[in-house]
Amino acid sequence: MNDQEFMGYAIEEAKKAEALGEVPIGAIIVYQGDIIASAFNLREKLQTTSSHAEMLAIDKANETMGSWRLEDCTLYVTLEPCPMCAGAILQSRIARVVYGANDPKAGCAGRYLTY
């Protein structure tokens, strides 16, 4: 699969969030061509600040991989990550991030994820 096809899966996750009245953001994490985690925003449902799609996907990927290190993984997310998510991406050592749209309000991928 290519980046566009993987982003399609992230978009499907975002649609799940929208159906629940959440901000429609979806994310998937890919390792060696396989989707190992998928998630969508659940802040309203869970009433937790950190329930962003990226954070939830990272937690699932950690569980799947049995490690906090996601060095050979790619994160696909429908909207540019916020500062909190960018920090988690850096800390989890995700190798590559592909996002679908810029977020002029809270996005910071260009500032923090260029390493």
PDB file of N, CA and C in Angstrom:
ATOM      1  N   MET A   1       0.840  -1.184   0.000  1.00  0.00           N
ATOM      2  CA  MET A   1       0.000   0.000   0.000  1.00  0.00           C
ATOM      3  C   MET A   1       0.878   1.238   0.000  1.00  0.00           C
ATOM      4  N   ASN A   2       0.322   2.336  -0.494  1.00  0.00           N
ATOM      5  CA  ASN A   2       1.055   3.600  -0.504  1.00  0.00           C
ATOM      6  C   ASN A   2       0.454   4.559   0.525  1.00  0.00           C
ATOM      7  N   ASP A   3       1.060   5.750   0.616  1.00  0.00           N
ATOM      8  CA  ASP A   3       0.612   6.735   1.612  1.00  0.00           C
ATOM      9  C   ASP A   3      -0.860   7.096   1.447  1.00  0.00           C
ATOM     10  N   GLN A   4      -1.316   7.263   0.216  1.00  0.00           N
ATOM     11  CA  GLN A   4      -2.722   7.629  -0.004  1.00  0.00           C
ATOM     12  C   GLN A   4      -3.661   6.539   0.500  1.00  0.00           C
ATOM     13  N   GLU A   5      -3.311   5.305   0.241  1.00  0.00           N
ATOM     14  CA  GLU A   5      -4.167   4.205   0.692  1.00  0.00           C
ATOM     15  C   GLU A   5      -4.193   4.114   2.215  1.00  0.00           C
ATOM     16  N   PHE A   6      -3.041   4.259   2.840  1.00  0.00           N
ATOM     17  CA  PHE A   6      -3.016   4.245   4.305  1.00  0.00           C
ATOM     18  C   PHE A   6      -3.789   5.435   4.876  1.00  0.00           C
ATOM     19  N   MET A   7      -3.672   6.604   4.249  1.00  0.00           N
ATOM     20  CA  MET A   7      -4.430   7.763   4.722  1.00  0.00           C
ATOM     21  C   MET A   7      -5.929   7.502   4.615  1.00  0.00           C
ATOM     22  N   GLY A   8      -6.335   6.743   3.628  1.00  0.00           N
ATOM     23  CA  GLY A   8      -7.748   6.373   3.515  1.00  0.00           C
ATOM     24  C   GLY A   8      -8.248   5.650   4.755  1.00  0.00           C
ATOM     25  N   TYR A   9      -7.413   4.805   5.337  1.00  0.00           N
ATOM     26  CA  TYR A   9      -7.779   4.120   6.580  1.00  0.00           C
ATOM     27  C   TYR A   9      -7.890   5.109   7.741  1.00  0.00           C
ATOM     28  N   ALA A  10      -6.998   6.083   7.786  1.00  0.00           N
ATOM     29  CA  ALA A  10      -7.080   7.117   8.826  1.00  0.00           C
ATOM     30  C   ALA A  10      -8.364   7.929   8.664  1.00  0.00           C
ATOM     31  N   ILE A  11      -8.743   8.206   7.428  1.00  0.00           N
ATOM     32  CA  ILE A  11      -9.986   8.945   7.168  1.00  0.00           C
ATOM     33  C   ILE A  11     -11.192   8.136   7.644  1.00  0.00           C
ATOM     34  N   GLU A  12     -11.169   6.835   7.436  1.00  0.00           N
ATOM     35  CA  GLU A  12     -12.262   5.991   7.939  1.00  0.00           C
ATOM     36  C   GLU A  12     -12.364   6.084   9.462  1.00  0.00           C
ATOM     37  N   GLU A  13     -11.231   6.148  10.143  1.00  0.00           N
ATOM     38  CA  GLU A  13     -11.241   6.329  11.598  1.00  0.00           C
ATOM     39  C   GLU A  13     -11.851   7.679  11.967  1.00  0.00           C
ATOM     40  N   ALA A  14     -11.508   8.721  11.215  1.00  0.00           N
ATOM     41  CA  ALA A  14     -12.054  10.057  11.476  1.00  0.00           C
ATOM     42  C   ALA A  14     -13.572  10.062  11.335  1.00  0.00           C
ATOM     43  N   LYS A  15     -14.089   9.311  10.390  1.00  0.00           N
ATOM     44  CA  LYS A  15     -15.544   9.224  10.201  1.00  0.00           C
ATOM     45  C   LYS A  15     -16.221   8.610  11.421  1.00  0.00           C
ATOM     46  N   LYS A  16     -15.553   7.682  12.077  1.00  0.00           N
ATOM     47  CA  LYS A  16     -16.093   7.089  13.304  1.00  0.00           C
ATOM     48  C   LYS A  16     -16.213   8.148  14.398  1.00  0.00           C
ATOM     49  N   ALA A  17     -15.205   9.010  14.496  1.00  0.00           N
ATOM     50  CA  ALA A  17     -15.252  10.092  15.482  1.00  0.00           C
ATOM     51  C   ALA A  17     -16.405  11.036  15.174  1.00  0.00           C
ATOM     52  N   GLU A  18     -16.537  11.396  13.907  1.00  0.00           N
ATOM     53  CA  GLU A  18     -17.614  12.311  13.502  1.00  0.00           C
ATOM     54  C   GLU A  18     -18.983  11.735  13.839  1.00  0.00           C
ATOM     55  N   ALA A  19     -19.165  10.447  13.631  1.00  0.00           N
ATOM     56  CA  ALA A  19     -20.444   9.802  13.923  1.00  0.00           C
ATOM     57  C   ALA A  19     -20.805   9.881  15.404  1.00  0.00           C
ATOM     58  N   LEU A  20     -19.795  10.013  16.255  1.00  0.00           N
ATOM     59  CA  LEU A  20     -20.020  10.124  17.701  1.00  0.00           C
ATOM     60  C   LEU A  20     -20.071  11.569  18.185  1.00  0.00           C
ATOM     61  N   GLY A  21     -19.978  12.521  17.249  1.00  0.00           N
ATOM     62  CA  GLY A  21     -19.987  13.932  17.636  1.00  0.00           C
ATOM     63  C   GLY A  21     -18.640  14.437  18.108  1.00  0.00           C
ATOM     64  N   GLU A  22     -17.602  13.676  17.860  1.00  0.00           N
ATOM     65  CA  GLU A  22     -16.241  14.073  18.225  1.00  0.00           C
ATOM     66  C   GLU A  22     -15.625  14.900  17.102  1.00  0.00           C
ATOM     67  N   VAL A  23     -14.523  15.580  17.395  1.00  0.00           N
ATOM     68  CA  VAL A  23     -13.754  16.233  16.343  1.00  0.00           C
ATOM     69  C   VAL A  23     -13.261  15.115  15.424  1.00  0.00           C
ATOM     70  N   PRO A  24     -13.547  15.204  14.124  1.00  0.00           N
ATOM     71  CA  PRO A  24     -13.265  14.082  13.222  1.00  0.00           C
ATOM     72  C   PRO A  24     -11.796  13.938  12.831  1.00  0.00           C
ATOM     73  N   ILE A  25     -11.035  13.353  13.724  1.00  0.00           N
ATOM     74  CA  ILE A  25      -9.622  13.078  13.461  1.00  0.00           C
ATOM     75  C   ILE A  25      -9.392  11.588  13.682  1.00  0.00           C
ATOM     76  N   GLY A  26      -8.703  10.982  12.719  1.00  0.00           N
ATOM     77  CA  GLY A  26      -8.380   9.566  12.806  1.00  0.00           C
ATOM     78  C   GLY A  26      -6.899   9.344  12.607  1.00  0.00           C
ATOM     79  N   ALA A  27      -6.403   8.232  13.123  1.00  0.00           N
ATOM     80  CA  ALA A  27      -4.979   7.915  13.009  1.00  0.00           C
ATOM     81  C   ALA A  27      -4.788   6.411  12.895  1.00  0.00           C
ATOM     82  N   ILE A  28      -3.745   6.030  12.163  1.00  0.00           N
ATOM     83  CA  ILE A  28      -3.312   4.636  12.131  1.00  0.00           C
ATOM     84  C   ILE A  28      -1.795   4.612  12.265  1.00  0.00           C
ATOM     85  N   ILE A  29      -1.271   3.501  12.725  1.00  0.00           N
ATOM     86  CA  ILE A  29       0.178   3.308  12.797  1.00  0.00           C
ATOM     87  C   ILE A  29       0.508   2.046  12.014  1.00  0.00           C
ATOM     88  N   VAL A  30       1.517   2.180  11.153  1.00  0.00           N
ATOM     89  CA  VAL A  30       1.910   1.100  10.248  1.00  0.00           C
ATOM     90  C   VAL A  30       3.326   0.641  10.579  1.00  0.00           C
ATOM     91  N   TYR A  31       3.496  -0.676  10.614  1.00  0.00           N
ATOM     92  CA  TYR A  31       4.812  -1.288  10.827  1.00  0.00           C
ATOM     93  C   TYR A  31       5.010  -2.357   9.765  1.00  0.00           C
ATOM     94  N   GLN A  32       6.061  -2.219   8.996  1.00  0.00           N
ATOM     95  CA  GLN A  32       6.401  -3.166   7.933  1.00  0.00           C
ATOM     96  C   GLN A  32       5.216  -3.462   7.017  1.00  0.00           C
ATOM     97  N   GLY A  33       4.488  -2.409   6.665  1.00  0.00           N
ATOM     98  CA  GLY A  33       3.381  -2.536   5.728  1.00  0.00           C
ATOM     99  C   GLY A  33       2.064  -2.987   6.316  1.00  0.00           C
ATOM    100  N   ASP A  34       2.024  -3.240   7.622  1.00  0.00           N
ATOM    101  CA  ASP A  34       0.801  -3.685   8.290  1.00  0.00           C
ATOM    102  C   ASP A  34       0.296  -2.627   9.254  1.00  0.00           C
ATOM    103  N   ILE A  35      -1.009  -2.450   9.303  1.00  0.00           N
ATOM    104  CA  ILE A  35      -1.618  -1.546  10.277  1.00  0.00           C
ATOM    105  C   ILE A  35      -1.618  -2.261  11.624  1.00  0.00           C
ATOM    106  N   ILE A  36      -0.912  -1.681  12.585  1.00  0.00           N
ATOM    107  CA  ILE A  36      -0.822  -2.304  13.910  1.00  0.00           C
ATOM    108  C   ILE A  36      -1.687  -1.599  14.946  1.00  0.00           C
ATOM    109  N   ALA A  37      -2.189  -0.401  14.600  1.00  0.00           N
ATOM    110  CA  ALA A  37      -3.049   0.334  15.529  1.00  0.00           C
ATOM    111  C   ALA A  37      -3.889   1.327  14.747  1.00  0.00           C
ATOM    112  N   SER A  38      -5.099   1.537  15.223  1.00  0.00           N
ATOM    113  CA  SER A  38      -5.968   2.559  14.642  1.00  0.00           C
ATOM    114  C   SER A  38      -6.791   3.165  15.766  1.00  0.00           C
ATOM    115  N   ALA A  39      -7.115   4.444  15.605  1.00  0.00           N
ATOM    116  CA  ALA A  39      -7.874   5.128  16.651  1.00  0.00           C
ATOM    117  C   ALA A  39      -8.481   6.405  16.092  1.00  0.00           C
ATOM    118  N   PHE A  40      -9.409   6.949  16.854  1.00  0.00           N
ATOM    119  CA  PHE A  40     -10.020   8.227  16.512  1.00  0.00           C
ATOM    120  C   PHE A  40     -10.257   9.004  17.795  1.00  0.00           C
ATOM    121  N   ASN A  41     -10.488  10.305  17.651  1.00  0.00           N
ATOM    122  CA  ASN A  41     -10.690  11.162  18.819  1.00  0.00           C
ATOM    123  C   ASN A  41     -11.839  10.652  19.681  1.00  0.00           C
ATOM    124  N   LEU A  42     -11.626  10.651  20.985  1.00  0.00           N
ATOM    125  CA  LEU A  42     -12.650  10.238  21.948  1.00  0.00           C
ATOM    126  C   LEU A  42     -12.680  11.151  23.175  1.00  0.00           C
ATOM    127  N   ARG A  43     -12.289  12.398  23.000  1.00  0.00           N
ATOM    128  CA  ARG A  43     -12.228  13.310  24.155  1.00  0.00           C
ATOM    129  C   ARG A  43     -13.576  13.499  24.826  1.00  0.00           C
ATOM    130  N   GLU A  44     -14.610  13.700  24.045  1.00  0.00           N
ATOM    131  CA  GLU A  44     -15.936  13.941  24.629  1.00  0.00           C
ATOM    132  C   GLU A  44     -16.478  12.682  25.306  1.00  0.00           C
ATOM    133  N   LYS A  45     -16.354  11.559  24.643  1.00  0.00           N
ATOM    134  CA  LYS A  45     -16.873  10.308  25.213  1.00  0.00           C
ATOM    135  C   LYS A  45     -16.133   9.926  26.486  1.00  0.00           C
ATOM    136  N   LEU A  46     -14.810   9.983  26.459  1.00  0.00           N
ATOM    137  CA  LEU A  46     -14.009   9.568  27.612  1.00  0.00           C
ATOM    138  C   LEU A  46     -13.776  10.683  28.624  1.00  0.00           C
ATOM    139  N   GLN A  47     -14.032  11.936  28.206  1.00  0.00           N
ATOM    140  CA  GLN A  47     -13.819  13.096  29.070  1.00  0.00           C
ATOM    141  C   GLN A  47     -12.394  13.140  29.618  1.00  0.00           C
ATOM    142  N   THR A  48     -11.435  12.847  28.738  1.00  0.00           N
ATOM    143  CA  THR A  48     -10.025  12.945  29.090  1.00  0.00           C
ATOM    144  C   THR A  48      -9.309  13.801  28.055  1.00  0.00           C
ATOM    145  N   THR A  49      -8.483  14.684  28.534  1.00  0.00           N
ATOM    146  CA  THR A  49      -7.767  15.626  27.684  1.00  0.00           C
ATOM    147  C   THR A  49      -6.908  14.937  26.645  1.00  0.00           C
ATOM    148  N   SER A  50      -6.312  13.831  27.000  1.00  0.00           N
ATOM    149  CA  SER A  50      -5.335  13.186  26.120  1.00  0.00           C
ATOM    150  C   SER A  50      -5.935  12.182  25.140  1.00  0.00           C
ATOM    151  N   SER A  51      -7.234  12.114  25.036  1.00  0.00           N
ATOM    152  CA  SER A  51      -7.860  11.118  24.155  1.00  0.00           C
ATOM    153  C   SER A  51      -7.909  11.570  22.698  1.00  0.00           C
ATOM    154  N   HIS A  52      -6.767  12.049  22.214  1.00  0.00           N
ATOM    155  CA  HIS A  52      -6.629  12.391  20.799  1.00  0.00           C
ATOM    156  C   HIS A  52      -6.354  11.108  20.020  1.00  0.00           C
ATOM    157  N   ALA A  53      -6.680  11.108  18.741  1.00  0.00           N
ATOM    158  CA  ALA A  53      -6.479   9.927  17.894  1.00  0.00           C
ATOM    159  C   ALA A  53      -5.035   9.441  17.938  1.00  0.00           C
ATOM    160  N   GLU A  54      -4.087  10.374  17.854  1.00  0.00           N
ATOM    161  CA  GLU A  54      -2.672   9.999  17.837  1.00  0.00           C
ATOM    162  C   GLU A  54      -2.262   9.316  19.135  1.00  0.00           C
ATOM    163  N   MET A  55      -2.685   9.881  20.256  1.00  0.00           N
ATOM    164  CA  MET A  55      -2.325   9.340  21.570  1.00  0.00           C
ATOM    165  C   MET A  55      -2.900   7.931  21.753  1.00  0.00           C
ATOM    166  N   LEU A  56      -4.154   7.763  21.371  1.00  0.00           N
ATOM    167  CA  LEU A  56      -4.792   6.459  21.509  1.00  0.00           C
ATOM    168  C   LEU A  56      -4.146   5.429  20.586  1.00  0.00           C
ATOM    169  N   ALA A  57      -3.802   5.849  19.373  1.00  0.00           N
ATOM    170  CA  ALA A  57      -3.137   4.935  18.438  1.00  0.00           C
ATOM    171  C   ALA A  57      -1.753   4.540  18.952  1.00  0.00           C
ATOM    172  N   ILE A  58      -1.027   5.498  19.504  1.00  0.00           N
ATOM    173  CA  ILE A  58       0.299   5.193  20.059  1.00  0.00           C
ATOM    174  C   ILE A  58       0.177   4.180  21.195  1.00  0.00           C
ATOM    175  N   ASP A  59      -0.791   4.374  22.081  1.00  0.00           N
ATOM    176  CA  ASP A  59      -0.990   3.419  23.180  1.00  0.00           C
ATOM    177  C   ASP A  59      -1.278   2.017  22.653  1.00  0.00           C
ATOM    178  N   LYS A  60      -2.132   1.927  21.634  1.00  0.00           N
ATOM    179  CA  LYS A  60      -2.454   0.617  21.052  1.00  0.00           C
ATOM    180  C   LYS A  60      -1.226  -0.006  20.391  1.00  0.00           C
ATOM    181  N   ALA A  61      -0.451   0.817  19.684  1.00  0.00           N
ATOM    182  CA  ALA A  61       0.757   0.310  19.023  1.00  0.00           C
ATOM    183  C   ALA A  61       1.775  -0.175  20.049  1.00  0.00           C
ATOM    184  N   ASN A  62       1.906   0.550  21.167  1.00  0.00           N
ATOM    185  CA  ASN A  62       2.808   0.104  22.239  1.00  0.00           C
ATOM    186  C   ASN A  62       2.402  -1.279  22.729  1.00  0.00           C
ATOM    187  N   GLU A  63       1.113  -1.465  22.913  1.00  0.00           N
ATOM    188  CA  GLU A  63       0.609  -2.758  23.383  1.00  0.00           C
ATOM    189  C   GLU A  63       0.865  -3.849  22.338  1.00  0.00           C
ATOM    190  N   THR A  64       0.587  -3.546  21.080  1.00  0.00           N
ATOM    191  CA  THR A  64       0.785  -4.521  20.005  1.00  0.00           C
ATOM    192  C   THR A  64       2.250  -4.920  19.872  1.00  0.00           C
ATOM    193  N   MET A  65       3.133  -3.922  19.940  1.00  0.00           N
ATOM    194  CA  MET A  65       4.562  -4.166  19.747  1.00  0.00           C
ATOM    195  C   MET A  65       5.253  -4.659  21.019  1.00  0.00           C
ATOM    196  N   GLY A  66       4.592  -4.485  22.157  1.00  0.00           N
ATOM    197  CA  GLY A  66       5.214  -4.865  23.421  1.00  0.00           C
ATOM    198  C   GLY A  66       6.369  -3.961  23.791  1.00  0.00           C
ATOM    199  N   SER A  67       6.309  -2.714  23.321  1.00  0.00           N
ATOM    200  CA  SER A  67       7.399  -1.763  23.558  1.00  0.00           C
ATOM    201  C   SER A  67       6.880  -0.342  23.401  1.00  0.00           C
ATOM    202  N   TRP A  68       7.517   0.578  24.108  1.00  0.00           N
ATOM    203  CA  TRP A  68       7.184   1.991  23.919  1.00  0.00           C
ATOM    204  C   TRP A  68       7.913   2.557  22.712  1.00  0.00           C
ATOM    205  N   ARG A  69       8.911   1.845  22.226  1.00  0.00           N
ATOM    206  CA  ARG A  69       9.685   2.314  21.073  1.00  0.00           C
ATOM    207  C   ARG A  69       8.999   1.886  19.776  1.00  0.00           C
ATOM    208  N   LEU A  70       8.650   2.858  18.959  1.00  0.00           N
ATOM    209  CA  LEU A  70       7.987   2.600  17.678  1.00  0.00           C
ATOM    210  C   LEU A  70       8.865   3.101  16.535  1.00  0.00           C
ATOM    211  N   GLU A  71      10.144   2.828  16.634  1.00  0.00           N
ATOM    212  CA  GLU A  71      11.162   3.411  15.754  1.00  0.00           C
ATOM    213  C   GLU A  71      10.966   3.119  14.273  1.00  0.00           C
ATOM    214  N   ASP A  72      10.438   2.003  13.911  1.00  0.00           N
ATOM    215  CA  ASP A  72      10.283   1.652  12.502  1.00  0.00           C
ATOM    216  C   ASP A  72       8.848   1.822  12.014  1.00  0.00           C
ATOM    217  N   CYS A  73       8.080   2.628  12.718  1.00  0.00           N
ATOM    218  CA  CYS A  73       6.664   2.807  12.391  1.00  0.00           C
ATOM    219  C   CYS A  73       6.402   4.140  11.701  1.00  0.00           C
ATOM    220  N   THR A  74       5.290   4.175  10.984  1.00  0.00           N
ATOM    221  CA  THR A  74       4.785   5.407  10.376  1.00  0.00           C
ATOM    222  C   THR A  74       3.406   5.684  10.945  1.00  0.00           C
ATOM    223  N   LEU A  75       3.179   6.931  11.343  1.00  0.00           N
ATOM    224  CA  LEU A  75       1.878   7.383  11.818  1.00  0.00           C
ATOM    225  C   LEU A  75       1.193   8.143  10.696  1.00  0.00           C
ATOM    226  N   TYR A  76      -0.039   7.770  10.396  1.00  0.00           N
ATOM    227  CA  TYR A  76      -0.879   8.499   9.455  1.00  0.00           C
ATOM    228  C   TYR A  76      -2.001   9.120  10.268  1.00  0.00           C
ATOM    229  N   VAL A  77      -2.174  10.427  10.143  1.00  0.00           N
ATOM    230  CA  VAL A  77      -3.208  11.125  10.899  1.00  0.00           C
ATOM    231  C   VAL A  77      -3.853  12.164   9.990  1.00  0.00           C
ATOM    232  N   THR A  78      -5.151  12.350  10.152  1.00  0.00           N
ATOM    233  CA  THR A  78      -5.881  13.204   9.217  1.00  0.00           C
ATOM    234  C   THR A  78      -5.626  14.691   9.409  1.00  0.00           C
ATOM    235  N   LEU A  79      -5.171  15.104  10.576  1.00  0.00           N
ATOM    236  CA  LEU A  79      -4.887  16.514  10.843  1.00  0.00           C
ATOM    237  C   LEU A  79      -3.513  16.639  11.493  1.00  0.00           C
ATOM    238  N   GLU A  80      -2.814  17.700  11.166  1.00  0.00           N
ATOM    239  CA  GLU A  80      -1.487  17.962  11.730  1.00  0.00           C
ATOM    240  C   GLU A  80      -1.524  17.841  13.257  1.00  0.00           C
ATOM    241  N   PRO A  81      -0.604  17.109  13.850  1.00  0.00           N
ATOM    242  CA  PRO A  81      -0.610  16.907  15.296  1.00  0.00           C
ATOM    243  C   PRO A  81      -0.443  18.204  16.101  1.00  0.00           C
ATOM    244  N   CYS A  82      -1.106  18.224  17.260  1.00  0.00           N
ATOM    245  CA  CYS A  82      -0.991  19.336  18.203  1.00  0.00           C
ATOM    246  C   CYS A  82       0.304  19.172  19.005  1.00  0.00           C
ATOM    247  N   PRO A  83       0.655  20.150  19.844  1.00  0.00           N
ATOM    248  CA  PRO A  83       1.880  20.032  20.645  1.00  0.00           C
ATOM    249  C   PRO A  83       1.923  18.793  21.547  1.00  0.00           C
ATOM    250  N   MET A  84       0.812  18.452  22.181  1.00  0.00           N
ATOM    251  CA  MET A  84       0.796  17.272  23.052  1.00  0.00           C
ATOM    252  C   MET A  84       1.096  16.007  22.250  1.00  0.00           C
ATOM    253  N   CYS A  85       0.422  15.861  21.121  1.00  0.00           N
ATOM    254  CA  CYS A  85       0.621  14.662  20.301  1.00  0.00           C
ATOM    255  C   CYS A  85       2.006  14.642  19.672  1.00  0.00           C
ATOM    256  N   ALA A  86       2.494  15.810  19.266  1.00  0.00           N
ATOM    257  CA  ALA A  86       3.850  15.878  18.705  1.00  0.00           C
ATOM    258  C   ALA A  86       4.869  15.399  19.734  1.00  0.00           C
ATOM    259  N   GLY A  87       4.669  15.775  20.987  1.00  0.00           N
ATOM    260  CA  GLY A  87       5.566  15.316  22.044  1.00  0.00           C
ATOM    261  C   GLY A  87       5.522  13.806  22.208  1.00  0.00           C
ATOM    262  N   ALA A  88       4.320  13.236  22.179  1.00  0.00           N
ATOM    263  CA  ALA A  88       4.185  11.782  22.304  1.00  0.00           C
ATOM    264  C   ALA A  88       4.812  11.069  21.109  1.00  0.00           C
ATOM    265  N   ILE A  89       4.670  11.652  19.930  1.00  0.00           N
ATOM    266  CA  ILE A  89       5.273  11.075  18.725  1.00  0.00           C
ATOM    267  C   ILE A  89       6.789  11.052  18.870  1.00  0.00           C
ATOM    268  N   LEU A  90       7.350  12.159  19.322  1.00  0.00           N
ATOM    269  CA  LEU A  90       8.799  12.210  19.530  1.00  0.00           C
ATOM    270  C   LEU A  90       9.246  11.210  20.585  1.00  0.00           C
ATOM    271  N   GLN A  91       8.525  11.159  21.698  1.00  0.00           N
ATOM    272  CA  GLN A  91       8.902  10.262  22.786  1.00  0.00           C
ATOM    273  C   GLN A  91       8.792   8.792  22.395  1.00  0.00           C
ATOM    274  N   SER A  92       7.851   8.477  21.515  1.00  0.00           N
ATOM    275  CA  SER A  92       7.693   7.083  21.092  1.00  0.00           C
ATOM    276  C   SER A  92       8.626   6.715  19.948  1.00  0.00           C
ATOM    277  N   ARG A  93       9.349   7.708  19.460  1.00  0.00           N
ATOM    278  CA  ARG A  93      10.355   7.509  18.410  1.00  0.00           C
ATOM    279  C   ARG A  93       9.772   7.025  17.088  1.00  0.00           C
ATOM    280  N   ILE A  94       8.547   7.426  16.805  1.00  0.00           N
ATOM    281  CA  ILE A  94       7.952   7.096  15.507  1.00  0.00           C
ATOM    282  C   ILE A  94       8.826   7.698  14.419  1.00  0.00           C
ATOM    283  N   ALA A  95       9.158   6.895  13.426  1.00  0.00           N
ATOM    284  CA  ALA A  95      10.126   7.302  12.405  1.00  0.00           C
ATOM    285  C   ALA A  95       9.571   8.315  11.409  1.00  0.00           C
ATOM    286  N   ARG A  96       8.277   8.246  11.131  1.00  0.00           N
ATOM    287  CA  ARG A  96       7.719   9.057  10.048  1.00  0.00           C
ATOM    288  C   ARG A  96       6.276   9.402  10.367  1.00  0.00           C
ATOM    289  N   VAL A  97       5.875  10.629  10.028  1.00  0.00           N
ATOM    290  CA  VAL A  97       4.503  11.075  10.223  1.00  0.00           C
ATOM    291  C   VAL A  97       3.982  11.610   8.899  1.00  0.00           C
ATOM    292  N   VAL A  98       2.784  11.163   8.528  1.00  0.00           N
ATOM    293  CA  VAL A  98       2.102  11.667   7.339  1.00  0.00           C
ATOM    294  C   VAL A  98       0.771  12.225   7.815  1.00  0.00           C
ATOM    295  N   TYR A  99       0.521  13.515   7.570  1.00  0.00           N
ATOM    296  CA  TYR A  99      -0.766  14.077   7.986  1.00  0.00           C
ATOM    297  C   TYR A  99      -1.505  14.646   6.788  1.00  0.00           C
ATOM    298  N   GLY A 100      -2.832  14.603   6.887  1.00  0.00           N
ATOM    299  CA  GLY A 100      -3.680  14.949   5.760  1.00  0.00           C
ATOM    300  C   GLY A 100      -3.917  16.419   5.546  1.00  0.00           C
ATOM    301  N   ALA A 101      -3.998  17.195   6.610  1.00  0.00           N
ATOM    302  CA  ALA A 101      -4.296  18.624   6.490  1.00  0.00           C
ATOM    303  C   ALA A 101      -3.517  19.403   7.533  1.00  0.00           C
ATOM    304  N   ASN A 102      -3.119  20.608   7.162  1.00  0.00           N
ATOM    305  CA  ASN A 102      -2.471  21.513   8.117  1.00  0.00           C
ATOM    306  C   ASN A 102      -3.487  21.990   9.138  1.00  0.00           C
ATOM    307  N   ASP A 103      -3.029  22.264  10.334  1.00  0.00           N
ATOM    308  CA  ASP A 103      -3.873  22.835  11.381  1.00  0.00           C
ATOM    309  C   ASP A 103      -3.286  24.176  11.787  1.00  0.00           C
ATOM    310  N   PRO A 104      -3.770  25.276  11.182  1.00  0.00           N
ATOM    311  CA  PRO A 104      -3.201  26.587  11.493  1.00  0.00           C
ATOM    312  C   PRO A 104      -3.453  27.026  12.935  1.00  0.00           C
ATOM    313  N   LYS A 105      -4.442  26.437  13.601  1.00  0.00           N
ATOM    314  CA  LYS A 105      -4.775  26.810  14.970  1.00  0.00           C
ATOM    315  C   LYS A 105      -3.828  26.165  15.986  1.00  0.00           C
ATOM    316  N   ALA A 106      -3.631  24.852  15.882  1.00  0.00           N
ATOM    317  CA  ALA A 106      -2.868  24.157  16.925  1.00  0.00           C
ATOM    318  C   ALA A 106      -1.791  23.222  16.386  1.00  0.00           C
ATOM    319  N   GLY A 107      -1.648  23.143  15.091  1.00  0.00           N
ATOM    320  CA  GLY A 107      -0.669  22.223  14.520  1.00  0.00           C
ATOM    321  C   GLY A 107       0.761  22.665  14.768  1.00  0.00           C
ATOM    322  N   CYS A 108       1.621  21.708  14.996  1.00  0.00           N
ATOM    323  CA  CYS A 108       3.027  22.062  15.230  1.00  0.00           C
ATOM    324  C   CYS A 108       3.978  21.039  14.642  1.00  0.00           C
ATOM    325  N   ALA A 109       3.516  20.236  13.717  1.00  0.00           N
ATOM    326  CA  ALA A 109       4.371  19.189  13.147  1.00  0.00           C
ATOM    327  C   ALA A 109       5.598  19.775  12.471  1.00  0.00           C
ATOM    328  N   GLY A 110       5.449  20.875  11.796  1.00  0.00           N
ATOM    329  CA  GLY A 110       6.589  21.486  11.119  1.00  0.00           C
ATOM    330  C   GLY A 110       7.655  21.973  12.074  1.00  0.00           C
ATOM    331  N   ARG A 111       7.254  22.336  13.282  1.00  0.00           N
ATOM    332  CA  ARG A 111       8.207  22.847  14.267  1.00  0.00           C
ATOM    333  C   ARG A 111       8.867  21.759  15.086  1.00  0.00           C
ATOM    334  N   TYR A 112       8.121  20.732  15.446  1.00  0.00           N
ATOM    335  CA  TYR A 112       8.635  19.745  16.390  1.00  0.00           C
ATOM    336  C   TYR A 112       8.959  18.384  15.785  1.00  0.00           C
ATOM    337  N   LEU A 113       8.425  18.100  14.618  1.00  0.00           N
ATOM    338  CA  LEU A 113       8.603  16.767  14.062  1.00  0.00           C
ATOM    339  C   LEU A 113       9.600  16.716  12.920  1.00  0.00           C
ATOM    340  N   THR A 114      10.428  17.716  12.792  1.00  0.00           N
ATOM    341  CA  THR A 114      11.470  17.678  11.769  1.00  0.00           C
ATOM    342  C   THR A 114      12.773  17.284  12.440  1.00  0.00           C
ATOM    343  N   TYR A 115      13.027  16.016  12.474  1.00  0.00           N
ATOM    344  CA  TYR A 115      14.234  15.497  13.114  1.00  0.00           C
ATOM    345  C   TYR A 115      14.872  14.467  12.236  1.00  0.00           C
TER     346      TYR A 115
END
